PDB file of N, CA and C in Angstrom:
ATOM      1  N   MET A   1      -1.497  38.875  -8.957  1.00  0.00           N
ATOM      2  CA  MET A   1      -0.584  38.249  -9.897  1.00  0.00           C
ATOM      3  C   MET A   1      -1.143  38.444 -11.301  1.00  0.00           C
ATOM      4  N   SER A   2      -0.287  38.871 -12.216  1.00  0.00           N
ATOM      5  CA  SER A   2      -0.755  39.100 -13.576  1.00  0.00           C
ATOM      6  C   SER A   2      -0.975  37.774 -14.283  1.00  0.00           C
ATOM      7  N   ARG A   3      -1.830  37.799 -15.261  1.00  0.00           N
ATOM      8  CA  ARG A   3      -2.182  36.573 -15.981  1.00  0.00           C
ATOM      9  C   ARG A   3      -0.969  35.901 -16.632  1.00  0.00           C
ATOM     10  N   PRO A   4      -0.093  36.623 -17.345  1.00  0.00           N
ATOM     11  CA  PRO A   4       1.069  35.949 -17.947  1.00  0.00           C
ATOM     12  C   PRO A   4       1.986  35.317 -16.897  1.00  0.00           C
ATOM     13  N   LEU A   5       2.132  35.986 -15.755  1.00  0.00           N
ATOM     14  CA  LEU A   5       2.979  35.438 -14.701  1.00  0.00           C
ATOM     15  C   LEU A   5       2.355  34.172 -14.106  1.00  0.00           C
ATOM     16  N   LEU A   6       1.040  34.185 -13.934  1.00  0.00           N
ATOM     17  CA  LEU A   6       0.321  33.013 -13.427  1.00  0.00           C
ATOM     18  C   LEU A   6       0.455  31.835 -14.384  1.00  0.00           C
ATOM     19  N   VAL A   7       0.291  32.095 -15.678  1.00  0.00           N
ATOM     20  CA  VAL A   7       0.411  31.039 -16.690  1.00  0.00           C
ATOM     21  C   VAL A   7       1.827  30.463 -16.679  1.00  0.00           C
ATOM     22  N   ALA A   8       2.824  31.329 -16.580  1.00  0.00           N
ATOM     23  CA  ALA A   8       4.212  30.852 -16.544  1.00  0.00           C
ATOM     24  C   ALA A   8       4.473  30.014 -15.301  1.00  0.00           C
ATOM     25  N   ALA A   9       3.940  30.429 -14.169  1.00  0.00           N
ATOM     26  CA  ALA A   9       4.135  29.676 -12.928  1.00  0.00           C
ATOM     27  C   ALA A   9       3.483  28.303 -13.016  1.00  0.00           C
ATOM     28  N   LEU A  10       2.272  28.253 -13.550  1.00  0.00           N
ATOM     29  CA  LEU A  10       1.584  26.967 -13.688  1.00  0.00           C
ATOM     30  C   LEU A  10       2.310  26.056 -14.673  1.00  0.00           C
ATOM     31  N   ALA A  11       2.799  26.614 -15.765  1.00  0.00           N
ATOM     32  CA  ALA A  11       3.509  25.817 -16.769  1.00  0.00           C
ATOM     33  C   ALA A  11       4.800  25.255 -16.190  1.00  0.00           C
ATOM     34  N   SER A  12       5.530  26.048 -15.431  1.00  0.00           N
ATOM     35  CA  SER A  12       6.775  25.544 -14.859  1.00  0.00           C
ATOM     36  C   SER A  12       6.499  24.468 -13.817  1.00  0.00           C
ATOM     37  N   GLY A  13       5.403  24.599 -13.079  1.00  0.00           N
ATOM     38  CA  GLY A  13       5.027  23.556 -12.113  1.00  0.00           C
ATOM     39  C   GLY A  13       4.691  22.252 -12.806  1.00  0.00           C
ATOM     40  N   ALA A  14       4.014  22.351 -13.941  1.00  0.00           N
ATOM     41  CA  ALA A  14       3.665  21.145 -14.694  1.00  0.00           C
ATOM     42  C   ALA A  14       4.914  20.466 -15.231  1.00  0.00           C
ATOM     43  N   VAL A  15       5.885  21.253 -15.696  1.00  0.00           N
ATOM     44  CA  VAL A  15       7.129  20.684 -16.219  1.00  0.00           C
ATOM     45  C   VAL A  15       7.894  19.967 -15.115  1.00  0.00           C
ATOM     46  N   LEU A  16       7.891  20.531 -13.919  1.00  0.00           N
ATOM     47  CA  LEU A  16       8.594  19.897 -12.805  1.00  0.00           C
ATOM     48  C   LEU A  16       7.902  18.621 -12.349  1.00  0.00           C
ATOM     49  N   ALA A  17       6.595  18.508 -12.564  1.00  0.00           N
ATOM     50  CA  ALA A  17       5.854  17.323 -12.130  1.00  0.00           C
ATOM     51  C   ALA A  17       6.039  16.144 -13.073  1.00  0.00           C
ATOM     52  N   VAL A  18       6.388  16.379 -14.329  1.00  0.00           N
ATOM     53  CA  VAL A  18       6.513  15.308 -15.314  1.00  0.00           C
ATOM     54  C   VAL A  18       7.549  14.256 -14.908  1.00  0.00           C
ATOM     55  N   PRO A  19       8.763  14.630 -14.451  1.00  0.00           N
ATOM     56  CA  PRO A  19       9.717  13.588 -14.052  1.00  0.00           C
ATOM     57  C   PRO A  19       9.192  12.705 -12.927  1.00  0.00           C
ATOM     58  N   ALA A  20       8.427  13.275 -12.014  1.00  0.00           N
ATOM     59  CA  ALA A  20       7.874  12.472 -10.917  1.00  0.00           C
ATOM     60  C   ALA A  20       6.897  11.437 -11.459  1.00  0.00           C
ATOM     61  N   LEU A  21       6.098  11.820 -12.455  1.00  0.00           N
ATOM     62  CA  LEU A  21       5.156  10.871 -13.047  1.00  0.00           C
ATOM     63  C   LEU A  21       5.884   9.788 -13.832  1.00  0.00           C
ATOM     64  N   ALA A  22       6.976  10.159 -14.481  1.00  0.00           N
ATOM     65  CA  ALA A  22       7.721   9.204 -15.288  1.00  0.00           C
ATOM     66  C   ALA A  22       8.400   8.142 -14.428  1.00  0.00           C
ATOM     67  N   GLN A  23       8.678   8.448 -13.178  1.00  0.00           N
ATOM     68  CA  GLN A  23       9.354   7.499 -12.308  1.00  0.00           C
ATOM     69  C   GLN A  23       8.463   6.330 -11.937  1.00  0.00           C
ATOM     70  N   GLY A  24       7.164   6.525 -11.940  1.00  0.00           N
ATOM     71  CA  GLY A  24       6.252   5.438 -11.618  1.00  0.00           C
ATOM     72  C   GLY A  24       6.165   5.173 -10.131  1.00  0.00           C
ATOM     73  N   THR A  25       5.697   4.002  -9.788  1.00  0.00           N
ATOM     74  CA  THR A  25       5.493   3.612  -8.405  1.00  0.00           C
ATOM     75  C   THR A  25       6.822   3.313  -7.720  1.00  0.00           C
ATOM     76  N   ASP A  26       6.898   3.675  -6.479  1.00  0.00           N
ATOM     77  CA  ASP A  26       8.084   3.399  -5.668  1.00  0.00           C
ATOM     78  C   ASP A  26       8.249   1.880  -5.558  1.00  0.00           C
ATOM     79  N   PRO A  27       9.384   1.327  -5.984  1.00  0.00           N
ATOM     80  CA  PRO A  27       9.565  -0.124  -5.926  1.00  0.00           C
ATOM     81  C   PRO A  27       9.610  -0.667  -4.498  1.00  0.00           C
ATOM     82  N   ASN A  28       9.816   0.200  -3.526  1.00  0.00           N
ATOM     83  CA  ASN A  28       9.872  -0.229  -2.126  1.00  0.00           C
ATOM     84  C   ASN A  28       8.585   0.078  -1.367  1.00  0.00           C
ATOM     85  N   LEU A  29       7.558   0.504  -2.072  1.00  0.00           N
ATOM     86  CA  LEU A  29       6.316   0.892  -1.417  1.00  0.00           C
ATOM     87  C   LEU A  29       5.747  -0.235  -0.559  1.00  0.00           C
ATOM     88  N   GLY A  30       5.631  -1.434  -1.106  1.00  0.00           N
ATOM     89  CA  GLY A  30       5.080  -2.552  -0.353  1.00  0.00           C
ATOM     90  C   GLY A  30       5.890  -2.870   0.890  1.00  0.00           C
ATOM     91  N   ARG A  31       7.205  -2.929   0.741  1.00  0.00           N
ATOM     92  CA  ARG A  31       8.077  -3.207   1.882  1.00  0.00           C
ATOM     93  C   ARG A  31       7.943  -2.126   2.948  1.00  0.00           C
ATOM     94  N   ASN A  32       7.913  -0.874   2.521  1.00  0.00           N
ATOM     95  CA  ASN A  32       7.814   0.223   3.475  1.00  0.00           C
ATOM     96  C   ASN A  32       6.481   0.207   4.211  1.00  0.00           C
ATOM     97  N   LEU A  33       5.409  -0.065   3.503  1.00  0.00           N
ATOM     98  CA  LEU A  33       4.096  -0.140   4.146  1.00  0.00           C
ATOM     99  C   LEU A  33       3.989  -1.353   5.065  1.00  0.00           C
ATOM    100  N   ALA A  34       4.641  -2.448   4.685  1.00  0.00           N
ATOM    101  CA  ALA A  34       4.567  -3.689   5.458  1.00  0.00           C
ATOM    102  C   ALA A  34       5.209  -3.573   6.831  1.00  0.00           C
ATOM    103  N   ALA A  35       6.074  -2.612   6.998  1.00  0.00           N
ATOM    104  CA  ALA A  35       6.723  -2.424   8.302  1.00  0.00           C
ATOM    105  C   ALA A  35       5.683  -2.215   9.400  1.00  0.00           C
ATOM    106  N   ALA A  36       4.588  -1.547   9.080  1.00  0.00           N
ATOM    107  CA  ALA A  36       3.538  -1.316  10.072  1.00  0.00           C
ATOM    108  C   ALA A  36       2.778  -2.597  10.415  1.00  0.00           C
ATOM    109  N   CYS A  37       2.785  -3.563   9.532  1.00  0.00           N
ATOM    110  CA  CYS A  37       2.075  -4.822   9.750  1.00  0.00           C
ATOM    111  C   CYS A  37       2.841  -5.766  10.679  1.00  0.00           C
ATOM    112  N   ALA A  38       4.143  -5.524  10.816  1.00  0.00           N
ATOM    113  CA  ALA A  38       5.006  -6.422  11.574  1.00  0.00           C
ATOM    114  C   ALA A  38       4.615  -6.521  13.044  1.00  0.00           C
ATOM    115  N   ASN A  39       4.021  -5.488  13.591  1.00  0.00           N
ATOM    116  CA  ASN A  39       3.632  -5.531  15.004  1.00  0.00           C
ATOM    117  C   ASN A  39       2.715  -6.709  15.311  1.00  0.00           C
ATOM    118  N   CYS A  40       1.809  -6.992  14.416  1.00  0.00           N
ATOM    119  CA  CYS A  40       0.860  -8.091  14.648  1.00  0.00           C
ATOM    120  C   CYS A  40       1.175  -9.331  13.808  1.00  0.00           C
ATOM    121  N   HIS A  41       1.599  -9.120  12.561  1.00  0.00           N
ATOM    122  CA  HIS A  41       1.765 -10.230  11.630  1.00  0.00           C
ATOM    123  C   HIS A  41       3.206 -10.693  11.486  1.00  0.00           C
ATOM    124  N   GLY A  42       4.125 -10.154  12.274  1.00  0.00           N
ATOM    125  CA  GLY A  42       5.511 -10.589  12.258  1.00  0.00           C
ATOM    126  C   GLY A  42       6.331  -9.975  11.141  1.00  0.00           C
ATOM    127  N   THR A  43       7.635 -10.054  11.305  1.00  0.00           N
ATOM    128  CA  THR A  43       8.555  -9.531  10.304  1.00  0.00           C
ATOM    129  C   THR A  43       8.327 -10.239   8.976  1.00  0.00           C
ATOM    130  N   ASN A  44       8.184  -9.471   7.928  1.00  0.00           N
ATOM    131  CA  ASN A  44       7.935  -9.981   6.574  1.00  0.00           C
ATOM    132  C   ASN A  44       6.662 -10.820   6.472  1.00  0.00           C
ATOM    133  N   GLY A  45       5.747 -10.641   7.424  1.00  0.00           N
ATOM    134  CA  GLY A  45       4.470 -11.343   7.372  1.00  0.00           C
ATOM    135  C   GLY A  45       4.487 -12.740   7.940  1.00  0.00           C
ATOM    136  N   VAL A  46       5.578 -13.118   8.603  1.00  0.00           N
ATOM    137  CA  VAL A  46       5.679 -14.438   9.230  1.00  0.00           C
ATOM    138  C   VAL A  46       5.281 -14.284  10.690  1.00  0.00           C
ATOM    139  N   SER A  47       4.082 -14.686  11.012  1.00  0.00           N
ATOM    140  CA  SER A  47       3.530 -14.493  12.347  1.00  0.00           C
ATOM    141  C   SER A  47       4.070 -15.507  13.339  1.00  0.00           C
ATOM    142  N   LEU A  48       4.357 -15.024  14.520  1.00  0.00           N
ATOM    143  CA  LEU A  48       4.794 -15.896  15.608  1.00  0.00           C
ATOM    144  C   LEU A  48       3.814 -15.848  16.779  1.00  0.00           C
ATOM    145  N   GLN A  49       2.757 -15.072  16.660  1.00  0.00           N
ATOM    146  CA  GLN A  49       1.880 -14.809  17.797  1.00  0.00           C
ATOM    147  C   GLN A  49       0.433 -15.241  17.585  1.00  0.00           C
ATOM    148  N   GLY A  50       0.195 -16.157  16.700  1.00  0.00           N
ATOM    149  CA  GLY A  50      -1.166 -16.620  16.495  1.00  0.00           C
ATOM    150  C   GLY A  50      -1.973 -15.801  15.505  1.00  0.00           C
ATOM    151  N   MET A  51      -1.390 -14.756  14.973  1.00  0.00           N
ATOM    152  CA  MET A  51      -2.054 -13.970  13.938  1.00  0.00           C
ATOM    153  C   MET A  51      -1.845 -14.674  12.596  1.00  0.00           C
ATOM    154  N   PRO A  52      -2.698 -14.382  11.621  1.00  0.00           N
ATOM    155  CA  PRO A  52      -2.511 -15.017  10.311  1.00  0.00           C
ATOM    156  C   PRO A  52      -1.169 -14.653   9.673  1.00  0.00           C
ATOM    157  N   ASN A  53      -0.540 -15.651   9.060  1.00  0.00           N
ATOM    158  CA  ASN A  53       0.664 -15.407   8.277  1.00  0.00           C
ATOM    159  C   ASN A  53       0.264 -14.735   6.977  1.00  0.00           C
ATOM    160  N   LEU A  54       0.994 -13.710   6.611  1.00  0.00           N
ATOM    161  CA  LEU A  54       0.759 -13.045   5.340  1.00  0.00           C
ATOM    162  C   LEU A  54       1.782 -13.492   4.301  1.00  0.00           C
ATOM    163  N   ALA A  55       2.942 -13.898   4.758  1.00  0.00           N
ATOM    164  CA  ALA A  55       4.015 -14.317   3.859  1.00  0.00           C
ATOM    165  C   ALA A  55       3.599 -15.530   3.037  1.00  0.00           C
ATOM    166  N   GLY A  56       3.857 -15.434   1.733  1.00  0.00           N
ATOM    167  CA  GLY A  56       3.597 -16.564   0.849  1.00  0.00           C
ATOM    168  C   GLY A  56       2.147 -16.750   0.430  1.00  0.00           C
ATOM    169  N   GLN A  57       1.243 -15.914   0.917  1.00  0.00           N
ATOM    170  CA  GLN A  57      -0.155 -16.010   0.500  1.00  0.00           C
ATOM    171  C   GLN A  57      -0.293 -15.536  -0.949  1.00  0.00           C
ATOM    172  N   GLN A  58      -1.322 -15.979  -1.622  1.00  0.00           N
ATOM    173  CA  GLN A  58      -1.575 -15.534  -2.994  1.00  0.00           C
ATOM    174  C   GLN A  58      -1.901 -14.044  -3.006  1.00  0.00           C
ATOM    175  N   ARG A  59      -1.330 -13.344  -3.963  1.00  0.00           N
ATOM    176  CA  ARG A  59      -1.522 -11.896  -4.070  1.00  0.00           C
ATOM    177  C   ARG A  59      -3.009 -11.535  -4.173  1.00  0.00           C
ATOM    178  N   ALA A  60      -3.734 -12.208  -5.037  1.00  0.00           N
ATOM    179  CA  ALA A  60      -5.155 -11.905  -5.226  1.00  0.00           C
ATOM    180  C   ALA A  60      -5.942 -12.127  -3.937  1.00  0.00           C
ATOM    181  N   TYR A  61      -5.594 -13.165  -3.197  1.00  0.00           N
ATOM    182  CA  TYR A  61      -6.257 -13.447  -1.923  1.00  0.00           C
ATOM    183  C   TYR A  61      -6.022 -12.310  -0.935  1.00  0.00           C
ATOM    184  N   LEU A  62      -4.779 -11.844  -0.827  1.00  0.00           N
ATOM    185  CA  LEU A  62      -4.464 -10.756   0.102  1.00  0.00           C
ATOM    186  C   LEU A  62      -5.193  -9.474  -0.282  1.00  0.00           C
ATOM    187  N   VAL A  63      -5.229  -9.175  -1.574  1.00  0.00           N
ATOM    188  CA  VAL A  63      -5.959  -7.983  -2.036  1.00  0.00           C
ATOM    189  C   VAL A  63      -7.425  -8.110  -1.669  1.00  0.00           C
ATOM    190  N   GLN A  64      -8.017  -9.275  -1.933  1.00  0.00           N
ATOM    191  CA  GLN A  64      -9.446  -9.464  -1.644  1.00  0.00           C
ATOM    192  C   GLN A  64      -9.742  -9.320  -0.155  1.00  0.00           C
ATOM    193  N   GLN A  65      -8.894  -9.896   0.678  1.00  0.00           N
ATOM    194  CA  GLN A  65      -9.112  -9.795   2.125  1.00  0.00           C
ATOM    195  C   GLN A  65      -9.044  -8.344   2.586  1.00  0.00           C
ATOM    196  N   MET A  66      -8.047  -7.601   2.100  1.00  0.00           N
ATOM    197  CA  MET A  66      -7.925  -6.191   2.484  1.00  0.00           C
ATOM    198  C   MET A  66      -9.118  -5.381   1.973  1.00  0.00           C
ATOM    199  N   GLN A  67      -9.566  -5.665   0.773  1.00  0.00           N
ATOM    200  CA  GLN A  67     -10.740  -4.955   0.244  1.00  0.00           C
ATOM    201  C   GLN A  67     -11.987  -5.296   1.063  1.00  0.00           C
ATOM    202  N   ASP A  68     -12.100  -6.555   1.462  1.00  0.00           N
ATOM    203  CA  ASP A  68     -13.241  -6.957   2.291  1.00  0.00           C
ATOM    204  C   ASP A  68     -13.196  -6.291   3.663  1.00  0.00           C
ATOM    205  N   PHE A  69     -12.015  -6.146   4.239  1.00  0.00           N
ATOM    206  CA  PHE A  69     -11.879  -5.402   5.493  1.00  0.00           C
ATOM    207  C   PHE A  69     -12.269  -3.941   5.272  1.00  0.00           C
ATOM    208  N   LYS A  70     -11.782  -3.375   4.186  1.00  0.00           N
ATOM    209  CA  LYS A  70     -11.989  -1.959   3.885  1.00  0.00           C
ATOM    210  C   LYS A  70     -13.476  -1.628   3.715  1.00  0.00           C
ATOM    211  N   THR A  71     -14.211  -2.517   3.066  1.00  0.00           N
ATOM    212  CA  THR A  71     -15.636  -2.268   2.823  1.00  0.00           C
ATOM    213  C   THR A  71     -16.529  -2.731   3.973  1.00  0.00           C
ATOM    214  N   GLY A  72     -15.943  -3.469   4.904  1.00  0.00           N
ATOM    215  CA  GLY A  72     -16.736  -3.989   6.020  1.00  0.00           C
ATOM    216  C   GLY A  72     -17.351  -5.339   5.735  1.00  0.00           C
ATOM    217  N   LYS A  73     -17.085  -5.903   4.563  1.00  0.00           N
ATOM    218  CA  LYS A  73     -17.620  -7.222   4.215  1.00  0.00           C
ATOM    219  C   LYS A  73     -17.066  -8.300   5.135  1.00  0.00           C
ATOM    220  N   ARG A  74     -15.809  -8.151   5.526  1.00  0.00           N
ATOM    221  CA  ARG A  74     -15.190  -9.095   6.460  1.00  0.00           C
ATOM    222  C   ARG A  74     -15.062  -8.403   7.815  1.00  0.00           C
ATOM    223  N   PRO A  75     -15.710  -8.936   8.838  1.00  0.00           N
ATOM    224  CA  PRO A  75     -15.635  -8.305  10.158  1.00  0.00           C
ATOM    225  C   PRO A  75     -14.267  -8.501  10.798  1.00  0.00           C
ATOM    226  N   ALA A  76     -13.908  -7.546  11.641  1.00  0.00           N
ATOM    227  CA  ALA A  76     -12.618  -7.604  12.321  1.00  0.00           C
ATOM    228  C   ALA A  76     -12.658  -6.705  13.547  1.00  0.00           C
ATOM    229  N   THR A  77     -11.693  -6.893  14.404  1.00  0.00           N
ATOM    230  CA  THR A  77     -11.606  -6.010  15.572  1.00  0.00           C
ATOM    231  C   THR A  77     -10.870  -4.727  15.237  1.00  0.00           C
ATOM    232  N   ILE A  78      -9.833  -4.796  14.411  1.00  0.00           N
ATOM    233  CA  ILE A  78      -9.051  -3.609  14.084  1.00  0.00           C
ATOM    234  C   ILE A  78      -8.748  -3.479  12.590  1.00  0.00           C
ATOM    235  N   MET A  79      -8.660  -4.591  11.869  1.00  0.00           N
ATOM    236  CA  MET A  79      -8.246  -4.533  10.469  1.00  0.00           C
ATOM    237  C   MET A  79      -9.174  -3.708   9.588  1.00  0.00           C
ATOM    238  N   HIS A  80     -10.444  -3.664   9.898  1.00  0.00           N
ATOM    239  CA  HIS A  80     -11.342  -2.859   9.068  1.00  0.00           C
ATOM    240  C   HIS A  80     -10.987  -1.378   9.155  1.00  0.00           C
ATOM    241  N   GLN A  81     -10.505  -0.940  10.306  1.00  0.00           N
ATOM    242  CA  GLN A  81     -10.081   0.454  10.451  1.00  0.00           C
ATOM    243  C   GLN A  81      -8.746   0.697   9.748  1.00  0.00           C
ATOM    244  N   ILE A  82      -7.832  -0.238   9.879  1.00  0.00           N
ATOM    245  CA  ILE A  82      -6.517  -0.098   9.250  1.00  0.00           C
ATOM    246  C   ILE A  82      -6.656  -0.100   7.728  1.00  0.00           C
ATOM    247  N   ALA A  83      -7.443  -1.014   7.197  1.00  0.00           N
ATOM    248  CA  ALA A  83      -7.592  -1.142   5.744  1.00  0.00           C
ATOM    249  C   ALA A  83      -8.176   0.112   5.115  1.00  0.00           C
ATOM    250  N   LYS A  84      -9.024   0.809   5.819  1.00  0.00           N
ATOM    251  CA  LYS A  84      -9.616   2.038   5.275  1.00  0.00           C
ATOM    252  C   LYS A  84      -8.577   3.112   5.016  1.00  0.00           C
ATOM    253  N   GLY A  85      -7.426   3.008   5.664  1.00  0.00           N
ATOM    254  CA  GLY A  85      -6.375   3.995   5.479  1.00  0.00           C
ATOM    255  C   GLY A  85      -5.493   3.764   4.262  1.00  0.00           C
ATOM    256  N   TYR A  86      -5.687   2.665   3.558  1.00  0.00           N
ATOM    257  CA  TYR A  86      -4.854   2.339   2.397  1.00  0.00           C
ATOM    258  C   TYR A  86      -5.608   2.570   1.099  1.00  0.00           C
ATOM    259  N   SER A  87      -4.901   3.108   0.110  1.00  0.00           N
ATOM    260  CA  SER A  87      -5.467   3.231  -1.237  1.00  0.00           C
ATOM    261  C   SER A  87      -5.405   1.858  -1.909  1.00  0.00           C
ATOM    262  N   ASP A  88      -6.091   1.721  -3.026  1.00  0.00           N
ATOM    263  CA  ASP A  88      -6.041   0.462  -3.772  1.00  0.00           C
ATOM    264  C   ASP A  88      -4.615   0.164  -4.229  1.00  0.00           C
ATOM    265  N   GLU A  89      -3.871   1.190  -4.624  1.00  0.00           N
ATOM    266  CA  GLU A  89      -2.480   1.012  -5.044  1.00  0.00           C
ATOM    267  C   GLU A  89      -1.626   0.507  -3.880  1.00  0.00           C
ATOM    268  N   GLN A  90      -1.842   1.039  -2.697  1.00  0.00           N
ATOM    269  CA  GLN A  90      -1.083   0.602  -1.528  1.00  0.00           C
ATOM    270  C   GLN A  90      -1.443  -0.828  -1.143  1.00  0.00           C
ATOM    271  N   ILE A  91      -2.710  -1.169  -1.218  1.00  0.00           N
ATOM    272  CA  ILE A  91      -3.138  -2.542  -0.925  1.00  0.00           C
ATOM    273  C   ILE A  91      -2.482  -3.509  -1.897  1.00  0.00           C
ATOM    274  N   ASP A  92      -2.451  -3.155  -3.165  1.00  0.00           N
ATOM    275  CA  ASP A  92      -1.819  -4.024  -4.156  1.00  0.00           C
ATOM    276  C   ASP A  92      -0.318  -4.148  -3.893  1.00  0.00           C
ATOM    277  N   ALA A  93       0.325  -3.058  -3.494  1.00  0.00           N
ATOM    278  CA  ALA A  93       1.760  -3.103  -3.181  1.00  0.00           C
ATOM    279  C   ALA A  93       2.029  -3.989  -1.972  1.00  0.00           C
ATOM    280  N   LEU A  94       1.178  -3.891  -0.963  1.00  0.00           N
ATOM    281  CA  LEU A  94       1.321  -4.762   0.214  1.00  0.00           C
ATOM    282  C   LEU A  94       1.146  -6.225  -0.170  1.00  0.00           C
ATOM    283  N   ALA A  95       0.114  -6.507  -0.960  1.00  0.00           N
ATOM    284  CA  ALA A  95      -0.152  -7.883  -1.377  1.00  0.00           C
ATOM    285  C   ALA A  95       1.003  -8.441  -2.199  1.00  0.00           C
ATOM    286  N   ALA A  96       1.553  -7.628  -3.088  1.00  0.00           N
ATOM    287  CA  ALA A  96       2.692  -8.066  -3.900  1.00  0.00           C
ATOM    288  C   ALA A  96       3.888  -8.370  -3.007  1.00  0.00           C
ATOM    289  N   TYR A  97       4.135  -7.508  -2.036  1.00  0.00           N
ATOM    290  CA  TYR A  97       5.265  -7.710  -1.137  1.00  0.00           C
ATOM    291  C   TYR A  97       5.098  -8.999  -0.326  1.00  0.00           C
ATOM    292  N   PHE A  98       3.955  -9.161   0.324  1.00  0.00           N
ATOM    293  CA  PHE A  98       3.767 -10.328   1.182  1.00  0.00           C
ATOM    294  C   PHE A  98       3.705 -11.632   0.381  1.00  0.00           C
ATOM    295  N   SER A  99       3.150 -11.591  -0.800  1.00  0.00           N
ATOM    296  CA  SER A  99       3.080 -12.829  -1.603  1.00  0.00           C
ATOM    297  C   SER A  99       4.468 -13.268  -2.069  1.00  0.00           C
ATOM    298  N   ALA A 100       5.406 -12.342  -2.128  1.00  0.00           N
ATOM    299  CA  ALA A 100       6.778 -12.672  -2.545  1.00  0.00           C
ATOM    300  C   ALA A 100       7.649 -13.154  -1.393  1.00  0.00           C
ATOM    301  N   GLN A 101       7.158 -13.056  -0.159  1.00  0.00           N
ATOM    302  CA  GLN A 101       7.930 -13.481   1.009  1.00  0.00           C
ATOM    303  C   GLN A 101       7.789 -14.999   1.203  1.00  0.00           C
ATOM    304  N   LYS A 102       8.813 -15.591   1.770  1.00  0.00           N
ATOM    305  CA  LYS A 102       8.775 -17.036   2.037  1.00  0.00           C
ATOM    306  C   LYS A 102       8.067 -17.298   3.365  1.00  0.00           C
ATOM    307  N   ALA A 103       7.092 -18.194   3.316  1.00  0.00           N
ATOM    308  CA  ALA A 103       6.409 -18.618   4.541  1.00  0.00           C
ATOM    309  C   ALA A 103       7.280 -19.638   5.249  1.00  0.00           C
ATOM    310  N   ARG A 104       7.194 -19.655   6.544  1.00  0.00           N
ATOM    311  CA  ARG A 104       7.989 -20.622   7.313  1.00  0.00           C
ATOM    312  C   ARG A 104       7.138 -21.731   7.848  1.00  0.00           C
TER     313      ARG A 104
END
């Protein structure tokens, strides 16, 4: 590939990426990620099976708990493995979603 063609290809790729950056975070990210939590923590974080309720918890508390699971500071049977799969942005989105849900 010639240098001018390579430069043009890279420049056009950068131009196409700008609208994606301008859109920001997906407003449904927390809700979409929370669907995986429903198996253990119930729909919208309202547990019916003896697991901790996530709905209505303080956002900062939920973030801290997930970070503690992720780093191994808080022991768990499975959550430490699950938490390692989430980025800090995803953890914050999950915490925002669950803190906005009504606890029963």
